[in-house]
Amino acid sequence: VAADALVGADGIWSSVRAQMYGEEVKKPEKGGKVRQGCTYSGYTVFAGEAVMSLPDYYDTGYKVYIGPKRYFVTSDVGNGRVQWYSFFATPPGMKRARSGWGTDAVAQGGEGDQSGESTVEYLKGLHEGWSDEVHYVLDQTPEGAVEQRDLYDRKPELFRSWSEGGVTLLGDAIHPMMPNLGQGGCQAIEDAWV
């Protein structure tokens, strides 16, 4: 394929970035705690979306429930849809749900292929004693709508150019952000403008 320009907006595991900077693509190191120059944050996140009716849906667009080594976030995404994230402090590779990044498989050796319980039931168990609303949100979520991924981070590039010739990087490919900041897409738009 020939082109005059290439925009690397392909996420934290950017193949464009790896080629541009001479990095090795997606090679895990140190027990999964470092991958392609990115450091494991210590958290995995489960994410899902459900359609539901909440009594304060139009009054509260974003809620955060915090507990020891975990937190749960809900966000109104319009038309009765609620997107949620459940963050847990855990070692990398403890898969229970599909990743949402090109595969539906649960990692072999992860907890997901051993217990037989659904991901939603597993999450409800981890939130036992939490707000009824957390359990309601989970109950309204179809099992197939739940994804999981370990959260990695990298320091933003300050001293290397984000562009080389007709190639440029933007968004998580050059400065990844944790999903709870809610800024990844916004920053990619700002990158494109600048």
N, C-alpha and C. Protein backbone atom coordinates (compact mmCIF):
# COMPACT_ATOMS: atom_id res chain seq x y z
N VAL A 1 0.84 -1.17 0.00
CA VAL A 1 0.00 0.00 0.00
C VAL A 1 0.88 1.24 0.00
N ALA A 2 0.61 2.17 -0.86
CA ALA A 2 1.35 3.42 -0.93
C ALA A 2 0.44 4.55 -0.47
N ALA A 3 1.03 5.50 0.29
CA ALA A 3 0.26 6.64 0.78
C ALA A 3 1.20 7.82 1.02
N ASP A 4 0.64 9.01 1.00
CA ASP A 4 1.42 10.21 1.29
C ASP A 4 1.56 10.45 2.78
N ALA A 5 0.61 9.94 3.56
CA ALA A 5 0.62 10.17 5.01
C ALA A 5 0.10 8.94 5.74
N LEU A 6 0.59 8.76 6.96
CA LEU A 6 0.12 7.68 7.83
C LEU A 6 -0.05 8.26 9.22
N VAL A 7 -1.25 8.08 9.78
CA VAL A 7 -1.53 8.54 11.14
C VAL A 7 -1.59 7.30 12.03
N GLY A 8 -0.67 7.23 12.98
CA GLY A 8 -0.65 6.13 13.94
C GLY A 8 -1.56 6.47 15.10
N ALA A 9 -2.81 6.07 15.01
CA ALA A 9 -3.79 6.27 16.08
C ALA A 9 -4.26 4.89 16.52
N ASP A 10 -3.29 3.97 16.66
CA ASP A 10 -3.61 2.57 16.89
C ASP A 10 -3.35 2.12 18.32
N GLY A 11 -3.47 3.02 19.28
CA GLY A 11 -3.50 2.66 20.69
C GLY A 11 -2.14 2.44 21.33
N ILE A 12 -2.20 2.03 22.59
CA ILE A 12 -0.99 1.88 23.40
C ILE A 12 -0.02 0.86 22.81
N TRP A 13 -0.53 -0.15 22.10
CA TRP A 13 0.35 -1.17 21.48
C TRP A 13 0.62 -0.82 20.03
N SER A 14 0.72 0.43 19.73
CA SER A 14 0.84 0.94 18.37
C SER A 14 1.95 0.27 17.56
N SER A 15 1.57 -0.35 16.47
CA SER A 15 2.54 -0.92 15.53
C SER A 15 3.26 0.19 14.77
N VAL A 16 2.56 1.29 14.52
CA VAL A 16 3.16 2.43 13.83
C VAL A 16 4.27 3.03 14.71
N ARG A 17 3.97 3.22 16.00
CA ARG A 17 4.95 3.73 16.94
C ARG A 17 6.16 2.81 17.01
N ALA A 18 5.90 1.51 17.14
CA ALA A 18 6.99 0.53 17.26
C ALA A 18 7.92 0.62 16.05
N GLN A 19 7.35 0.71 14.86
CA GLN A 19 8.17 0.79 13.66
C GLN A 19 8.91 2.13 13.60
N MET A 20 8.23 3.21 13.95
CA MET A 20 8.83 4.54 13.89
C MET A 20 10.00 4.68 14.88
N TYR A 21 9.85 4.12 16.07
CA TYR A 21 10.88 4.25 17.12
C TYR A 21 11.78 3.02 17.24
N GLY A 22 11.57 2.01 16.39
CA GLY A 22 12.39 0.81 16.45
C GLY A 22 12.15 -0.02 17.70
N GLU A 23 10.91 -0.05 18.17
CA GLU A 23 10.55 -0.83 19.36
C GLU A 23 10.07 -2.23 18.95
N GLU A 24 10.21 -3.18 19.85
CA GLU A 24 9.71 -4.52 19.61
C GLU A 24 8.22 -4.55 19.94
N VAL A 25 7.41 -5.14 19.09
CA VAL A 25 5.96 -5.11 19.24
C VAL A 25 5.48 -6.13 20.27
N LYS A 26 4.76 -5.64 21.28
CA LYS A 26 3.99 -6.45 22.23
C LYS A 26 4.75 -7.60 22.88
N LYS A 27 6.01 -7.45 23.17
CA LYS A 27 6.76 -8.52 23.82
C LYS A 27 6.68 -8.36 25.34
N PRO A 28 5.99 -9.29 26.04
CA PRO A 28 5.88 -9.18 27.50
C PRO A 28 7.22 -9.48 28.17
N GLU A 29 7.49 -8.75 29.25
CA GLU A 29 8.71 -8.95 30.03
C GLU A 29 8.36 -8.93 31.51
N LYS A 30 9.27 -9.39 32.33
CA LYS A 30 9.16 -9.31 33.80
C LYS A 30 7.81 -9.80 34.30
N GLY A 31 7.41 -11.00 33.89
CA GLY A 31 6.15 -11.57 34.35
C GLY A 31 4.91 -10.81 33.91
N GLY A 32 4.98 -10.16 32.76
CA GLY A 32 3.84 -9.43 32.24
C GLY A 32 3.72 -8.01 32.77
N LYS A 33 4.65 -7.59 33.61
CA LYS A 33 4.56 -6.25 34.21
C LYS A 33 5.12 -5.16 33.31
N VAL A 34 5.84 -5.54 32.27
CA VAL A 34 6.31 -4.57 31.28
C VAL A 34 6.03 -5.18 29.91
N ARG A 35 5.45 -4.38 29.03
CA ARG A 35 5.09 -4.86 27.69
C ARG A 35 5.30 -3.73 26.71
N GLN A 36 6.15 -3.92 25.75
CA GLN A 36 6.45 -2.93 24.71
C GLN A 36 6.75 -1.56 25.33
N GLY A 37 7.55 -1.57 26.39
CA GLY A 37 7.93 -0.32 27.04
C GLY A 37 6.88 0.26 27.96
N CYS A 38 5.76 -0.42 28.13
CA CYS A 38 4.68 0.07 28.99
C CYS A 38 4.69 -0.71 30.31
N THR A 39 4.42 -0.02 31.39
CA THR A 39 4.43 -0.63 32.72
C THR A 39 3.01 -0.95 33.16
N TYR A 40 2.84 -2.15 33.73
CA TYR A 40 1.52 -2.54 34.25
C TYR A 40 1.16 -1.64 35.43
N SER A 41 -0.07 -1.13 35.42
CA SER A 41 -0.53 -0.17 36.43
C SER A 41 -0.86 -0.82 37.77
N GLY A 42 -1.01 -2.15 37.78
CA GLY A 42 -1.45 -2.83 38.99
C GLY A 42 -2.95 -3.09 38.99
N TYR A 43 -3.63 -2.63 37.93
CA TYR A 43 -5.09 -2.78 37.85
C TYR A 43 -5.50 -3.46 36.55
N THR A 44 -6.58 -4.25 36.65
CA THR A 44 -7.30 -4.74 35.49
C THR A 44 -8.65 -4.04 35.49
N VAL A 45 -9.24 -3.88 34.34
CA VAL A 45 -10.55 -3.25 34.27
C VAL A 45 -11.52 -4.14 33.51
N PHE A 46 -12.71 -4.26 34.06
CA PHE A 46 -13.84 -4.87 33.37
C PHE A 46 -14.71 -3.72 32.91
N ALA A 47 -15.25 -3.81 31.72
CA ALA A 47 -16.09 -2.75 31.19
C ALA A 47 -17.32 -3.37 30.55
N GLY A 48 -18.42 -2.66 30.64
CA GLY A 48 -19.65 -3.14 30.04
C GLY A 48 -20.60 -1.99 29.77
N GLU A 49 -21.67 -2.31 29.07
CA GLU A 49 -22.69 -1.32 28.78
C GLU A 49 -24.05 -2.00 28.86
N ALA A 50 -25.01 -1.29 29.43
CA ALA A 50 -26.35 -1.85 29.56
C ALA A 50 -27.37 -0.74 29.35
N VAL A 51 -28.57 -1.15 28.95
CA VAL A 51 -29.69 -0.23 28.84
C VAL A 51 -30.55 -0.44 30.07
N MET A 52 -30.82 0.66 30.78
CA MET A 52 -31.58 0.52 32.02
C MET A 52 -32.20 1.84 32.43
N SER A 53 -33.08 1.77 33.39
CA SER A 53 -33.70 2.96 33.94
C SER A 53 -33.17 3.15 35.36
N LEU A 54 -32.55 4.29 35.60
CA LEU A 54 -32.09 4.65 36.93
C LEU A 54 -32.86 5.87 37.40
N PRO A 55 -33.23 5.94 38.68
CA PRO A 55 -34.07 7.05 39.15
C PRO A 55 -33.43 8.43 38.95
N ASP A 56 -32.12 8.52 38.98
CA ASP A 56 -31.46 9.82 38.83
C ASP A 56 -30.68 9.92 37.52
N TYR A 57 -31.11 9.16 36.52
CA TYR A 57 -30.41 9.08 35.25
C TYR A 57 -30.14 10.46 34.65
N TYR A 58 -31.13 11.34 34.67
CA TYR A 58 -30.97 12.65 34.03
C TYR A 58 -30.30 13.68 34.95
N ASP A 59 -30.14 13.34 36.23
CA ASP A 59 -29.53 14.26 37.17
C ASP A 59 -28.04 13.99 37.39
N THR A 60 -27.65 12.74 37.26
CA THR A 60 -26.28 12.35 37.57
C THR A 60 -25.70 11.60 36.39
N GLY A 61 -24.74 12.18 35.72
CA GLY A 61 -24.17 11.57 34.53
C GLY A 61 -22.98 10.67 34.81
N TYR A 62 -22.39 10.78 36.00
CA TYR A 62 -21.15 10.05 36.28
C TYR A 62 -21.11 9.74 37.78
N LYS A 63 -20.91 8.48 38.12
CA LYS A 63 -20.84 8.07 39.52
C LYS A 63 -19.60 7.22 39.74
N VAL A 64 -18.99 7.38 40.90
CA VAL A 64 -17.82 6.58 41.28
C VAL A 64 -18.07 5.98 42.65
N TYR A 65 -17.89 4.68 42.75
CA TYR A 65 -17.99 3.96 44.02
C TYR A 65 -16.60 3.44 44.34
N ILE A 66 -16.09 3.76 45.51
CA ILE A 66 -14.70 3.43 45.83
C ILE A 66 -14.65 2.49 47.03
N GLY A 67 -13.80 1.47 46.91
CA GLY A 67 -13.56 0.52 48.00
C GLY A 67 -12.10 0.13 48.01
N PRO A 68 -11.71 -0.75 48.93
CA PRO A 68 -10.30 -1.16 49.02
C PRO A 68 -9.83 -1.89 47.76
N LYS A 69 -8.80 -1.37 47.12
CA LYS A 69 -8.17 -1.96 45.95
C LYS A 69 -9.13 -2.18 44.79
N ARG A 70 -10.20 -1.40 44.74
CA ARG A 70 -11.16 -1.50 43.64
C ARG A 70 -12.06 -0.28 43.61
N TYR A 71 -12.58 -0.01 42.43
CA TYR A 71 -13.61 1.02 42.31
C TYR A 71 -14.48 0.73 41.10
N PHE A 72 -15.66 1.30 41.11
CA PHE A 72 -16.68 1.03 40.10
C PHE A 72 -17.21 2.38 39.63
N VAL A 73 -17.30 2.57 38.33
CA VAL A 73 -17.70 3.84 37.73
C VAL A 73 -18.86 3.60 36.77
N THR A 74 -19.87 4.46 36.82
CA THR A 74 -20.94 4.42 35.82
C THR A 74 -20.99 5.77 35.13
N SER A 75 -21.35 5.73 33.86
CA SER A 75 -21.42 6.95 33.06
C SER A 75 -22.59 6.87 32.10
N ASP A 76 -23.39 7.92 32.07
CA ASP A 76 -24.51 8.04 31.13
C ASP A 76 -23.95 8.27 29.74
N VAL A 77 -24.26 7.38 28.80
CA VAL A 77 -23.79 7.56 27.42
C VAL A 77 -24.94 7.82 26.46
N GLY A 78 -26.12 8.13 27.00
CA GLY A 78 -27.25 8.55 26.18
C GLY A 78 -28.27 7.47 25.89
N ASN A 79 -29.50 7.89 25.69
CA ASN A 79 -30.62 7.01 25.32
C ASN A 79 -30.82 5.84 26.29
N GLY A 80 -30.65 6.10 27.59
CA GLY A 80 -30.87 5.06 28.59
C GLY A 80 -29.72 4.09 28.73
N ARG A 81 -28.62 4.33 28.03
CA ARG A 81 -27.46 3.44 28.09
C ARG A 81 -26.49 3.92 29.17
N VAL A 82 -26.00 2.98 29.93
CA VAL A 82 -25.01 3.27 30.97
C VAL A 82 -23.78 2.43 30.67
N GLN A 83 -22.66 3.10 30.59
CA GLN A 83 -21.38 2.41 30.43
C GLN A 83 -20.75 2.34 31.81
N TRP A 84 -20.16 1.21 32.14
CA TRP A 84 -19.54 1.07 33.46
C TRP A 84 -18.15 0.47 33.35
N TYR A 85 -17.35 0.76 34.38
CA TYR A 85 -16.00 0.22 34.50
C TYR A 85 -15.83 -0.27 35.92
N SER A 86 -15.19 -1.41 36.06
CA SER A 86 -14.90 -1.96 37.38
C SER A 86 -13.40 -2.24 37.44
N PHE A 87 -12.68 -1.50 38.27
CA PHE A 87 -11.23 -1.59 38.37
C PHE A 87 -10.84 -2.39 39.59
N PHE A 88 -9.87 -3.32 39.42
CA PHE A 88 -9.40 -4.15 40.53
C PHE A 88 -7.89 -4.21 40.54
N ALA A 89 -7.31 -4.10 41.74
CA ALA A 89 -5.87 -4.30 41.89
C ALA A 89 -5.62 -5.80 41.83
N THR A 90 -4.88 -6.25 40.81
CA THR A 90 -4.62 -7.67 40.61
C THR A 90 -3.37 -7.83 39.75
N PRO A 91 -2.68 -8.97 39.86
CA PRO A 91 -1.54 -9.19 38.97
C PRO A 91 -2.01 -9.26 37.51
N PRO A 92 -1.13 -8.96 36.56
CA PRO A 92 -1.53 -9.02 35.15
C PRO A 92 -1.83 -10.46 34.71
N GLY A 93 -2.72 -10.59 33.75
CA GLY A 93 -3.01 -11.90 33.16
C GLY A 93 -4.08 -12.70 33.85
N MET A 94 -4.80 -12.14 34.81
CA MET A 94 -5.87 -12.86 35.51
C MET A 94 -7.18 -12.68 34.73
N LYS A 95 -7.27 -13.30 33.57
CA LYS A 95 -8.40 -13.08 32.66
C LYS A 95 -9.65 -13.83 33.08
N ARG A 96 -10.79 -13.14 32.97
CA ARG A 96 -12.10 -13.73 33.21
C ARG A 96 -13.08 -13.41 32.09
N ALA A 97 -12.72 -12.45 31.23
CA ALA A 97 -13.63 -12.03 30.17
C ALA A 97 -12.83 -11.77 28.90
N ARG A 98 -13.54 -11.67 27.77
CA ARG A 98 -12.86 -11.38 26.51
C ARG A 98 -12.21 -10.00 26.59
N SER A 99 -11.20 -9.80 25.80
CA SER A 99 -10.44 -8.55 25.89
C SER A 99 -11.07 -7.41 25.12
N GLY A 100 -11.82 -7.70 24.07
CA GLY A 100 -12.35 -6.62 23.26
C GLY A 100 -11.32 -6.05 22.30
N TRP A 101 -10.13 -6.62 22.28
CA TRP A 101 -9.06 -6.14 21.41
C TRP A 101 -8.74 -7.19 20.35
N GLY A 102 -9.76 -7.62 19.61
CA GLY A 102 -9.53 -8.52 18.50
C GLY A 102 -9.62 -10.00 18.84
N THR A 103 -10.01 -10.34 20.05
CA THR A 103 -10.15 -11.75 20.41
C THR A 103 -11.30 -11.91 21.39
N ASP A 104 -12.00 -13.01 21.30
CA ASP A 104 -13.06 -13.31 22.25
C ASP A 104 -12.60 -14.34 23.26
N ALA A 105 -11.36 -14.78 23.14
CA ALA A 105 -10.87 -15.84 24.01
C ALA A 105 -10.46 -15.31 25.38
N VAL A 106 -10.69 -16.12 26.39
CA VAL A 106 -10.17 -15.86 27.73
C VAL A 106 -8.82 -16.55 27.80
N ALA A 107 -7.84 -15.87 28.35
CA ALA A 107 -6.48 -16.41 28.39
C ALA A 107 -6.45 -17.76 29.10
N GLN A 108 -5.77 -18.71 28.53
CA GLN A 108 -5.61 -20.01 29.16
C GLN A 108 -4.84 -19.85 30.46
N GLY A 109 -5.29 -20.55 31.49
CA GLY A 109 -4.63 -20.46 32.77
C GLY A 109 -5.19 -19.35 33.63
N GLY A 110 -6.02 -18.48 33.06
CA GLY A 110 -6.65 -17.43 33.86
C GLY A 110 -7.80 -18.02 34.65
N GLU A 111 -8.31 -17.25 35.59
CA GLU A 111 -9.39 -17.74 36.43
C GLU A 111 -10.65 -18.04 35.64
N GLY A 112 -10.85 -17.35 34.52
CA GLY A 112 -12.09 -17.46 33.77
C GLY A 112 -12.39 -18.86 33.28
N ASP A 113 -11.39 -19.68 33.04
CA ASP A 113 -11.65 -21.01 32.51
C ASP A 113 -11.68 -22.07 33.60
N GLN A 114 -11.72 -21.66 34.89
CA GLN A 114 -11.66 -22.63 35.98
C GLN A 114 -12.91 -22.66 36.85
N SER A 115 -13.55 -21.54 37.08
CA SER A 115 -14.60 -21.50 38.10
C SER A 115 -15.98 -21.90 37.57
N GLY A 116 -16.24 -21.66 36.28
CA GLY A 116 -17.55 -21.96 35.73
C GLY A 116 -18.58 -20.87 35.98
N GLU A 117 -18.30 -19.90 36.84
CA GLU A 117 -19.27 -18.83 37.10
C GLU A 117 -19.13 -17.75 36.03
N SER A 118 -20.23 -17.09 35.74
CA SER A 118 -20.21 -16.05 34.72
C SER A 118 -19.38 -14.86 35.22
N THR A 119 -18.94 -14.05 34.27
CA THR A 119 -18.16 -12.86 34.63
C THR A 119 -19.01 -11.91 35.46
N VAL A 120 -20.27 -11.74 35.10
CA VAL A 120 -21.15 -10.84 35.85
C VAL A 120 -21.30 -11.34 37.29
N GLU A 121 -21.50 -12.64 37.49
CA GLU A 121 -21.61 -13.19 38.85
C GLU A 121 -20.30 -13.02 39.61
N TYR A 122 -19.19 -13.22 38.94
CA TYR A 122 -17.87 -13.01 39.56
C TYR A 122 -17.74 -11.57 40.05
N LEU A 123 -18.12 -10.60 39.20
CA LEU A 123 -18.03 -9.19 39.57
C LEU A 123 -18.97 -8.85 40.72
N LYS A 124 -20.17 -9.42 40.69
CA LYS A 124 -21.10 -9.18 41.80
C LYS A 124 -20.52 -9.70 43.11
N GLY A 125 -19.84 -10.84 43.05
CA GLY A 125 -19.19 -11.38 44.25
C GLY A 125 -18.09 -10.47 44.77
N LEU A 126 -17.34 -9.88 43.86
CA LEU A 126 -16.27 -8.96 44.27
C LEU A 126 -16.84 -7.66 44.84
N HIS A 127 -18.10 -7.36 44.52
CA HIS A 127 -18.75 -6.15 45.03
C HIS A 127 -19.80 -6.48 46.08
N GLU A 128 -19.67 -7.62 46.72
CA GLU A 128 -20.61 -7.99 47.76
C GLU A 128 -20.59 -6.94 48.87
N GLY A 129 -21.77 -6.50 49.28
CA GLY A 129 -21.88 -5.49 50.32
C GLY A 129 -21.82 -4.06 49.79
N TRP A 130 -21.62 -3.91 48.50
CA TRP A 130 -21.58 -2.57 47.89
C TRP A 130 -23.02 -2.10 47.63
N SER A 131 -23.15 -0.90 47.12
CA SER A 131 -24.43 -0.29 46.80
C SER A 131 -25.29 -1.22 45.94
N ASP A 132 -26.59 -1.23 46.21
CA ASP A 132 -27.51 -2.01 45.39
C ASP A 132 -27.46 -1.58 43.93
N GLU A 133 -27.14 -0.31 43.69
CA GLU A 133 -27.10 0.20 42.32
C GLU A 133 -25.98 -0.48 41.51
N VAL A 134 -24.85 -0.76 42.13
CA VAL A 134 -23.76 -1.47 41.44
C VAL A 134 -24.27 -2.84 40.99
N HIS A 135 -24.98 -3.53 41.87
CA HIS A 135 -25.51 -4.86 41.53
C HIS A 135 -26.60 -4.76 40.46
N TYR A 136 -27.42 -3.72 40.53
CA TYR A 136 -28.47 -3.52 39.52
C TYR A 136 -27.84 -3.31 38.14
N VAL A 137 -26.81 -2.47 38.08
CA VAL A 137 -26.12 -2.21 36.81
C VAL A 137 -25.54 -3.52 36.27
N LEU A 138 -24.89 -4.29 37.11
CA LEU A 138 -24.32 -5.57 36.67
C LEU A 138 -25.41 -6.53 36.22
N ASP A 139 -26.52 -6.60 36.96
CA ASP A 139 -27.63 -7.49 36.59
C ASP A 139 -28.22 -7.14 35.23
N GLN A 140 -28.19 -5.87 34.84
CA GLN A 140 -28.76 -5.43 33.57
C GLN A 140 -27.80 -5.62 32.39
N THR A 141 -26.59 -6.05 32.68
CA THR A 141 -25.57 -6.16 31.65
C THR A 141 -25.53 -7.56 31.05
N PRO A 142 -25.71 -7.71 29.74
CA PRO A 142 -25.59 -9.02 29.12
C PRO A 142 -24.14 -9.53 29.25
N GLU A 143 -23.99 -10.80 29.50
CA GLU A 143 -22.66 -11.39 29.68
C GLU A 143 -21.73 -11.08 28.51
N GLY A 144 -22.25 -11.12 27.30
CA GLY A 144 -21.44 -10.86 26.12
C GLY A 144 -20.99 -9.41 25.98
N ALA A 145 -21.55 -8.52 26.80
CA ALA A 145 -21.18 -7.11 26.73
C ALA A 145 -20.03 -6.75 27.68
N VAL A 146 -19.50 -7.74 28.40
CA VAL A 146 -18.44 -7.48 29.37
C VAL A 146 -17.08 -7.79 28.74
N GLU A 147 -16.18 -6.84 28.86
CA GLU A 147 -14.80 -7.00 28.37
C GLU A 147 -13.85 -6.77 29.53
N GLN A 148 -12.63 -7.26 29.38
CA GLN A 148 -11.61 -7.06 30.41
C GLN A 148 -10.27 -6.80 29.75
N ARG A 149 -9.49 -5.92 30.36
CA ARG A 149 -8.12 -5.74 29.91
C ARG A 149 -7.27 -5.23 31.06
N ASP A 150 -6.04 -5.69 31.07
CA ASP A 150 -5.07 -5.18 32.03
C ASP A 150 -4.68 -3.78 31.60
N LEU A 151 -4.46 -2.91 32.56
CA LEU A 151 -4.15 -1.52 32.26
C LEU A 151 -2.65 -1.26 32.36
N TYR A 152 -2.09 -0.85 31.25
CA TYR A 152 -0.68 -0.49 31.17
C TYR A 152 -0.59 1.01 30.91
N ASP A 153 0.56 1.57 31.24
CA ASP A 153 0.78 2.99 31.02
C ASP A 153 2.20 3.21 30.55
N ARG A 154 2.43 4.30 29.92
CA ARG A 154 3.78 4.69 29.53
C ARG A 154 3.89 6.20 29.72
N LYS A 155 5.11 6.64 29.96
CA LYS A 155 5.34 8.07 30.10
C LYS A 155 5.13 8.72 28.74
N PRO A 156 4.57 9.92 28.74
CA PRO A 156 4.38 10.61 27.45
C PRO A 156 5.74 10.96 26.82
N GLU A 157 5.75 10.97 25.51
CA GLU A 157 6.97 11.35 24.78
C GLU A 157 7.16 12.85 24.85
N LEU A 158 8.24 13.27 25.45
CA LEU A 158 8.54 14.70 25.57
C LEU A 158 9.75 15.09 24.73
N PHE A 159 10.63 14.12 24.47
CA PHE A 159 11.90 14.45 23.82
C PHE A 159 12.07 13.86 22.43
N ARG A 160 11.15 13.01 22.01
CA ARG A 160 11.19 12.49 20.64
C ARG A 160 10.02 13.09 19.87
N SER A 161 10.24 13.31 18.61
CA SER A 161 9.19 13.89 17.77
C SER A 161 8.04 12.90 17.62
N TRP A 162 6.84 13.42 17.57
CA TRP A 162 5.66 12.60 17.34
C TRP A 162 5.46 12.34 15.86
N SER A 163 6.25 12.99 15.03
CA SER A 163 6.13 12.87 13.58
C SER A 163 7.49 12.63 12.95
N GLU A 164 7.47 11.89 11.86
CA GLU A 164 8.69 11.66 11.08
C GLU A 164 8.28 11.51 9.62
N GLY A 165 8.72 12.44 8.79
CA GLY A 165 8.30 12.42 7.38
C GLY A 165 6.79 12.54 7.29
N GLY A 166 6.17 11.62 6.57
CA GLY A 166 4.72 11.62 6.40
C GLY A 166 3.99 10.80 7.45
N VAL A 167 4.68 10.44 8.55
CA VAL A 167 4.07 9.61 9.60
C VAL A 167 3.95 10.43 10.88
N THR A 168 2.79 10.34 11.53
CA THR A 168 2.61 11.01 12.82
C THR A 168 1.82 10.10 13.75
N LEU A 169 2.01 10.32 15.03
CA LEU A 169 1.32 9.54 16.06
C LEU A 169 0.35 10.45 16.80
N LEU A 170 -0.76 9.88 17.27
CA LEU A 170 -1.65 10.65 18.13
C LEU A 170 -2.38 9.74 19.09
N GLY A 171 -2.95 10.36 20.12
CA GLY A 171 -3.72 9.62 21.12
C GLY A 171 -2.86 8.66 21.92
N ASP A 172 -3.44 7.51 22.26
CA ASP A 172 -2.75 6.53 23.10
C ASP A 172 -1.49 5.98 22.46
N ALA A 173 -1.34 6.12 21.16
CA ALA A 173 -0.12 5.65 20.49
C ALA A 173 1.09 6.45 20.97
N ILE A 174 0.89 7.68 21.40
CA ILE A 174 2.01 8.52 21.81
C ILE A 174 1.93 8.90 23.29
N HIS A 175 0.75 9.03 23.85
CA HIS A 175 0.61 9.38 25.28
C HIS A 175 -0.65 8.71 25.85
N PRO A 176 -0.56 7.41 26.17
CA PRO A 176 -1.75 6.70 26.65
C PRO A 176 -2.29 7.29 27.95
N MET A 177 -3.59 7.12 28.13
CA MET A 177 -4.26 7.61 29.33
C MET A 177 -5.13 6.51 29.89
N MET A 178 -5.21 6.44 31.20
CA MET A 178 -6.08 5.47 31.86
C MET A 178 -7.54 5.77 31.52
N PRO A 179 -8.36 4.74 31.35
CA PRO A 179 -9.75 4.97 30.92
C PRO A 179 -10.58 5.76 31.93
N ASN A 180 -10.22 5.72 33.20
CA ASN A 180 -11.01 6.44 34.19
C ASN A 180 -10.85 7.95 34.07
N LEU A 181 -9.86 8.42 33.31
CA LEU A 181 -9.70 9.85 33.09
C LEU A 181 -10.72 10.37 32.08
N GLY A 182 -11.23 9.49 31.23
CA GLY A 182 -12.23 9.88 30.24
C GLY A 182 -11.71 10.90 29.25
N GLN A 183 -10.41 10.88 28.97
CA GLN A 183 -9.82 11.90 28.13
C GLN A 183 -9.12 11.36 26.89
N GLY A 184 -9.04 10.05 26.73
CA GLY A 184 -8.29 9.48 25.62
C GLY A 184 -8.71 10.01 24.26
N GLY A 185 -10.00 9.90 23.94
CA GLY A 185 -10.50 10.37 22.66
C GLY A 185 -10.36 11.88 22.50
N CYS A 186 -10.62 12.61 23.60
CA CYS A 186 -10.50 14.08 23.55
C CYS A 186 -9.07 14.49 23.26
N GLN A 187 -8.11 13.83 23.88
CA GLN A 187 -6.71 14.18 23.66
C GLN A 187 -6.27 13.84 22.24
N ALA A 188 -6.80 12.77 21.68
CA ALA A 188 -6.47 12.42 20.30
C ALA A 188 -6.99 13.49 19.34
N ILE A 189 -8.17 14.02 19.62
CA ILE A 189 -8.72 15.11 18.78
C ILE A 189 -7.84 16.35 18.92
N GLU A 190 -7.44 16.65 20.15
CA GLU A 190 -6.55 17.80 20.36
C GLU A 190 -5.21 17.61 19.67
N ASP A 191 -4.66 16.38 19.72
CA ASP A 191 -3.40 16.09 19.01
C ASP A 191 -3.55 16.40 17.53
N ALA A 192 -4.68 15.96 16.95
CA ALA A 192 -4.89 16.15 15.51
C ALA A 192 -4.96 17.65 15.18
N TRP A 193 -5.57 18.43 16.06
CA TRP A 193 -5.68 19.86 15.83
C TRP A 193 -4.31 20.52 15.89
N VAL A 194 -3.50 20.13 16.88
CA VAL A 194 -2.18 20.73 17.06
C VAL A 194 -1.27 20.24 15.96
